[in-house]
Amino acid sequence: MKISFSPQLGAAPVAVSVTGDVLTVEGATYDFGPLVEGDILPRGAVECPWLVSDVIRDGGHICLTLILPHGPGAPQETLFPAAIIVTGDGPVALPPFARIEEPDA
């Protein structure tokens, strides 16, 4: 699954996981298994508040864009996130919600 992101200021991080062609966001599951190569599922056909794009199968991958909430002062990697390709099942490692503060030495 190829996941792109649309960063937005938010109150809390989002939990995302993948199992095959099934995406789980904040506990809600979305099964994209029925999509065949070249299929396009319009954004409006999926009742997911985190989804901000159509869902397509391209090159064997389910491709979509999710909102990526972040806190104030989020790092560059969160404000300008690269798309990720998820190759295994389980929780998806997302860019950090906020800047990690270094403890004073």
N, C-alpha and C. Protein backbone atom coordinates (compact mmCIF):
# COMPACT_ATOMS: atom_id res chain seq x y z
N MET A 1 0.86 -1.17 0.00
CA MET A 1 0.00 0.00 0.00
C MET A 1 0.90 1.23 0.00
N LYS A 2 0.58 2.19 -0.87
CA LYS A 2 1.33 3.43 -0.91
C LYS A 2 0.46 4.52 -0.29
N ILE A 3 0.97 5.11 0.79
CA ILE A 3 0.21 6.13 1.51
C ILE A 3 0.95 7.46 1.40
N SER A 4 0.25 8.45 0.87
CA SER A 4 0.74 9.83 0.85
C SER A 4 0.01 10.57 1.97
N PHE A 5 0.50 11.75 2.30
CA PHE A 5 -0.06 12.47 3.44
C PHE A 5 -0.37 13.92 3.11
N SER A 6 -1.41 14.43 3.78
CA SER A 6 -1.77 15.84 3.73
C SER A 6 -1.71 16.36 5.17
N PRO A 7 -0.61 17.03 5.55
CA PRO A 7 -0.45 17.48 6.93
C PRO A 7 -1.47 18.55 7.31
N GLN A 8 -2.00 18.42 8.52
CA GLN A 8 -2.92 19.41 9.07
C GLN A 8 -2.71 19.50 10.57
N LEU A 9 -2.77 20.70 11.10
CA LEU A 9 -2.67 20.89 12.54
C LEU A 9 -3.81 20.13 13.20
N GLY A 10 -3.49 19.35 14.22
CA GLY A 10 -4.51 18.54 14.87
C GLY A 10 -4.26 18.43 16.36
N ALA A 11 -5.23 17.86 17.06
CA ALA A 11 -5.15 17.75 18.51
C ALA A 11 -4.40 16.51 18.98
N ALA A 12 -4.35 15.47 18.13
CA ALA A 12 -3.73 14.22 18.55
C ALA A 12 -3.27 13.45 17.32
N PRO A 13 -2.28 12.56 17.50
CA PRO A 13 -1.85 11.74 16.37
C PRO A 13 -2.93 10.76 15.94
N VAL A 14 -2.80 10.22 14.76
CA VAL A 14 -3.76 9.25 14.22
C VAL A 14 -3.10 7.87 14.25
N ALA A 15 -3.90 6.84 14.48
CA ALA A 15 -3.41 5.46 14.47
C ALA A 15 -3.80 4.81 13.16
N VAL A 16 -2.80 4.29 12.43
CA VAL A 16 -3.01 3.67 11.13
C VAL A 16 -2.34 2.31 11.12
N SER A 17 -3.04 1.31 10.58
CA SER A 17 -2.41 0.00 10.39
C SER A 17 -2.91 -0.59 9.08
N VAL A 18 -2.16 -1.58 8.60
CA VAL A 18 -2.47 -2.22 7.33
C VAL A 18 -2.38 -3.73 7.51
N THR A 19 -3.34 -4.43 6.91
CA THR A 19 -3.31 -5.88 6.82
C THR A 19 -3.68 -6.22 5.39
N GLY A 20 -2.68 -6.56 4.58
CA GLY A 20 -2.95 -6.81 3.15
C GLY A 20 -3.45 -5.55 2.49
N ASP A 21 -4.65 -5.63 1.91
CA ASP A 21 -5.28 -4.47 1.26
C ASP A 21 -6.31 -3.81 2.16
N VAL A 22 -6.27 -4.12 3.46
CA VAL A 22 -7.20 -3.53 4.42
C VAL A 22 -6.47 -2.46 5.22
N LEU A 23 -7.01 -1.26 5.20
CA LEU A 23 -6.48 -0.13 5.95
C LEU A 23 -7.35 0.07 7.18
N THR A 24 -6.71 0.28 8.32
CA THR A 24 -7.44 0.59 9.55
C THR A 24 -6.96 1.95 10.03
N VAL A 25 -7.91 2.87 10.22
CA VAL A 25 -7.60 4.22 10.69
C VAL A 25 -8.48 4.49 11.90
N GLU A 26 -7.83 4.72 13.03
CA GLU A 26 -8.56 5.01 14.27
C GLU A 26 -9.62 3.94 14.56
N GLY A 27 -9.30 2.68 14.28
CA GLY A 27 -10.19 1.56 14.60
C GLY A 27 -11.20 1.22 13.52
N ALA A 28 -11.38 2.07 12.53
CA ALA A 28 -12.33 1.79 11.44
C ALA A 28 -11.56 1.13 10.29
N THR A 29 -12.13 0.05 9.73
CA THR A 29 -11.44 -0.68 8.67
C THR A 29 -12.05 -0.39 7.30
N TYR A 30 -11.16 -0.38 6.30
CA TYR A 30 -11.55 -0.11 4.92
C TYR A 30 -10.86 -1.16 4.06
N ASP A 31 -11.65 -2.03 3.43
CA ASP A 31 -11.12 -3.13 2.63
C ASP A 31 -11.06 -2.72 1.17
N PHE A 32 -9.85 -2.56 0.65
CA PHE A 32 -9.66 -2.19 -0.75
C PHE A 32 -9.26 -3.38 -1.60
N GLY A 33 -9.38 -4.58 -1.05
CA GLY A 33 -9.05 -5.81 -1.77
C GLY A 33 -9.76 -5.98 -3.09
N PRO A 34 -11.03 -5.59 -3.21
CA PRO A 34 -11.74 -5.78 -4.49
C PRO A 34 -11.20 -4.94 -5.65
N LEU A 35 -10.39 -3.90 -5.38
CA LEU A 35 -9.87 -3.08 -6.47
C LEU A 35 -8.88 -3.87 -7.30
N VAL A 36 -9.06 -3.85 -8.61
CA VAL A 36 -8.10 -4.49 -9.52
C VAL A 36 -7.25 -3.40 -10.17
N GLU A 37 -6.15 -3.80 -10.79
CA GLU A 37 -5.22 -2.86 -11.39
C GLU A 37 -5.95 -1.84 -12.26
N GLY A 38 -5.68 -0.56 -11.99
CA GLY A 38 -6.28 0.52 -12.76
C GLY A 38 -7.60 1.02 -12.22
N ASP A 39 -8.22 0.30 -11.28
CA ASP A 39 -9.48 0.76 -10.70
C ASP A 39 -9.28 2.04 -9.90
N ILE A 40 -10.31 2.89 -9.92
CA ILE A 40 -10.33 4.13 -9.14
C ILE A 40 -11.60 4.14 -8.31
N LEU A 41 -11.44 4.22 -7.01
CA LEU A 41 -12.56 4.34 -6.09
C LEU A 41 -12.63 5.80 -5.67
N PRO A 42 -13.69 6.53 -6.06
CA PRO A 42 -13.76 7.96 -5.74
C PRO A 42 -13.76 8.21 -4.24
N ARG A 43 -13.14 9.29 -3.84
CA ARG A 43 -13.07 9.70 -2.43
C ARG A 43 -14.44 9.66 -1.78
N GLY A 44 -15.45 10.15 -2.47
CA GLY A 44 -16.80 10.22 -1.91
C GLY A 44 -17.45 8.87 -1.66
N ALA A 45 -16.89 7.81 -2.23
CA ALA A 45 -17.45 6.47 -2.03
C ALA A 45 -16.94 5.80 -0.76
N VAL A 46 -15.98 6.43 -0.10
CA VAL A 46 -15.38 5.87 1.11
C VAL A 46 -15.70 6.79 2.28
N GLU A 47 -16.39 6.27 3.26
CA GLU A 47 -16.77 7.08 4.43
C GLU A 47 -15.65 7.07 5.45
N CYS A 48 -14.56 7.74 5.09
CA CYS A 48 -13.40 7.85 5.98
C CYS A 48 -13.01 9.31 6.09
N PRO A 49 -13.14 9.91 7.27
CA PRO A 49 -12.83 11.33 7.41
C PRO A 49 -11.34 11.64 7.25
N TRP A 50 -10.49 10.63 7.29
CA TRP A 50 -9.04 10.82 7.16
C TRP A 50 -8.58 10.77 5.71
N LEU A 51 -9.41 10.25 4.83
CA LEU A 51 -9.05 10.08 3.42
C LEU A 51 -9.30 11.37 2.65
N VAL A 52 -8.30 11.82 1.87
CA VAL A 52 -8.46 13.07 1.12
C VAL A 52 -8.16 12.88 -0.36
N SER A 53 -8.26 11.65 -0.84
CA SER A 53 -8.00 11.38 -2.26
C SER A 53 -8.86 10.22 -2.72
N ASP A 54 -8.89 10.04 -4.04
CA ASP A 54 -9.44 8.80 -4.57
C ASP A 54 -8.50 7.67 -4.16
N VAL A 55 -8.99 6.44 -4.23
CA VAL A 55 -8.16 5.27 -3.94
C VAL A 55 -7.99 4.53 -5.26
N ILE A 56 -6.74 4.25 -5.61
CA ILE A 56 -6.49 3.55 -6.87
C ILE A 56 -5.57 2.36 -6.63
N ARG A 57 -5.62 1.40 -7.55
CA ARG A 57 -4.61 0.34 -7.55
C ARG A 57 -3.73 0.60 -8.76
N ASP A 58 -2.46 0.86 -8.47
CA ASP A 58 -1.50 1.20 -9.52
C ASP A 58 -0.20 0.44 -9.24
N GLY A 59 0.25 -0.31 -10.23
CA GLY A 59 1.48 -1.07 -10.04
C GLY A 59 1.35 -2.12 -8.95
N GLY A 60 0.13 -2.58 -8.72
CA GLY A 60 -0.12 -3.58 -7.69
C GLY A 60 -0.34 -3.01 -6.30
N HIS A 61 -0.12 -1.71 -6.13
CA HIS A 61 -0.28 -1.06 -4.83
C HIS A 61 -1.62 -0.34 -4.74
N ILE A 62 -2.24 -0.40 -3.58
CA ILE A 62 -3.35 0.49 -3.26
C ILE A 62 -2.70 1.83 -2.95
N CYS A 63 -3.13 2.91 -3.60
CA CYS A 63 -2.55 4.24 -3.42
C CYS A 63 -3.62 5.21 -2.94
N LEU A 64 -3.30 5.95 -1.87
CA LEU A 64 -4.26 6.89 -1.29
C LEU A 64 -3.53 7.95 -0.50
N THR A 65 -4.26 9.00 -0.14
CA THR A 65 -3.71 10.08 0.68
C THR A 65 -4.56 10.25 1.92
N LEU A 66 -3.88 10.30 3.08
CA LEU A 66 -4.54 10.48 4.37
C LEU A 66 -4.13 11.81 4.98
N ILE A 67 -5.02 12.38 5.78
CA ILE A 67 -4.68 13.53 6.62
C ILE A 67 -3.65 13.05 7.64
N LEU A 68 -2.61 13.84 7.84
CA LEU A 68 -1.60 13.57 8.86
C LEU A 68 -1.65 14.69 9.88
N PRO A 69 -2.34 14.47 11.01
CA PRO A 69 -2.39 15.53 12.01
C PRO A 69 -1.01 15.73 12.64
N HIS A 70 -0.74 16.98 13.01
CA HIS A 70 0.52 17.28 13.68
C HIS A 70 0.29 18.38 14.70
N GLY A 71 1.19 18.43 15.67
CA GLY A 71 1.12 19.45 16.70
C GLY A 71 1.88 20.70 16.30
N PRO A 72 1.78 21.75 17.12
CA PRO A 72 2.53 22.97 16.84
C PRO A 72 4.03 22.65 16.88
N GLY A 73 4.77 23.28 16.00
CA GLY A 73 6.22 23.07 16.00
C GLY A 73 6.63 21.70 15.50
N ALA A 74 5.80 21.07 14.70
CA ALA A 74 6.13 19.74 14.17
C ALA A 74 7.39 19.84 13.31
N PRO A 75 8.17 18.76 13.24
CA PRO A 75 9.40 18.80 12.45
C PRO A 75 9.12 18.82 10.94
N GLN A 76 10.13 19.18 10.18
CA GLN A 76 10.02 19.27 8.73
C GLN A 76 9.51 17.97 8.11
N GLU A 77 9.98 16.82 8.62
CA GLU A 77 9.58 15.53 8.05
C GLU A 77 8.07 15.28 8.20
N THR A 78 7.44 15.98 9.13
CA THR A 78 6.00 15.87 9.31
C THR A 78 5.27 16.91 8.47
N LEU A 79 5.83 18.10 8.41
CA LEU A 79 5.19 19.17 7.64
C LEU A 79 5.29 18.94 6.14
N PHE A 80 6.32 18.23 5.71
CA PHE A 80 6.54 17.92 4.29
C PHE A 80 6.85 16.42 4.16
N PRO A 81 5.86 15.58 4.48
CA PRO A 81 6.12 14.14 4.55
C PRO A 81 6.27 13.48 3.18
N ALA A 82 7.15 12.52 3.12
CA ALA A 82 7.29 11.69 1.92
C ALA A 82 6.23 10.60 1.97
N ALA A 83 5.80 10.16 0.81
CA ALA A 83 4.88 9.02 0.75
C ALA A 83 5.63 7.79 1.25
N ILE A 84 4.89 6.84 1.79
CA ILE A 84 5.51 5.60 2.25
C ILE A 84 4.86 4.42 1.55
N ILE A 85 5.64 3.39 1.34
CA ILE A 85 5.11 2.15 0.81
C ILE A 85 5.15 1.14 1.94
N VAL A 86 3.98 0.65 2.31
CA VAL A 86 3.85 -0.31 3.40
C VAL A 86 3.92 -1.71 2.80
N THR A 87 4.91 -2.49 3.23
CA THR A 87 5.11 -3.82 2.65
C THR A 87 4.71 -4.94 3.59
N GLY A 88 4.49 -4.64 4.86
CA GLY A 88 4.11 -5.67 5.82
C GLY A 88 2.86 -5.30 6.56
N ASP A 89 2.30 -6.27 7.25
CA ASP A 89 1.10 -6.03 8.05
C ASP A 89 1.47 -5.45 9.41
N GLY A 90 0.56 -4.65 9.96
CA GLY A 90 0.75 -4.10 11.29
C GLY A 90 0.63 -2.60 11.31
N PRO A 91 0.97 -2.01 12.46
CA PRO A 91 0.90 -0.55 12.59
C PRO A 91 1.84 0.13 11.60
N VAL A 92 1.41 1.28 11.09
CA VAL A 92 2.21 2.05 10.15
C VAL A 92 2.97 3.12 10.93
N ALA A 93 4.29 3.16 10.73
CA ALA A 93 5.11 4.18 11.38
C ALA A 93 4.91 5.51 10.64
N LEU A 94 4.34 6.46 11.32
CA LEU A 94 4.06 7.78 10.74
C LEU A 94 5.11 8.78 11.20
N PRO A 95 5.27 9.87 10.46
CA PRO A 95 6.17 10.93 10.94
C PRO A 95 5.72 11.41 12.32
N PRO A 96 6.66 11.94 13.11
CA PRO A 96 6.31 12.35 14.48
C PRO A 96 5.25 13.44 14.52
N PHE A 97 4.38 13.36 15.51
CA PHE A 97 3.30 14.32 15.70
C PHE A 97 3.86 15.71 16.03
N ALA A 98 4.88 15.74 16.87
CA ALA A 98 5.48 17.00 17.31
C ALA A 98 6.99 16.82 17.41
N ARG A 99 7.67 17.91 17.52
CA ARG A 99 9.12 17.87 17.67
C ARG A 99 9.46 17.19 19.00
N ILE A 100 10.43 16.33 18.96
CA ILE A 100 10.88 15.66 20.17
C ILE A 100 11.90 16.56 20.84
N GLU A 101 11.60 16.94 22.06
CA GLU A 101 12.49 17.85 22.80
C GLU A 101 13.62 17.04 23.43
N GLU A 102 14.82 17.55 23.26
CA GLU A 102 15.98 16.92 23.89
C GLU A 102 16.04 17.36 25.35
N PRO A 103 16.26 16.39 26.26
CA PRO A 103 16.36 16.78 27.67
C PRO A 103 17.63 17.60 27.91
N ASP A 104 17.54 18.54 28.83
CA ASP A 104 18.71 19.34 29.19
C ASP A 104 19.74 18.46 29.88
N ALA A 105 20.99 18.61 29.50
CA ALA A 105 22.04 17.76 30.09
C ALA A 105 22.57 18.37 31.34
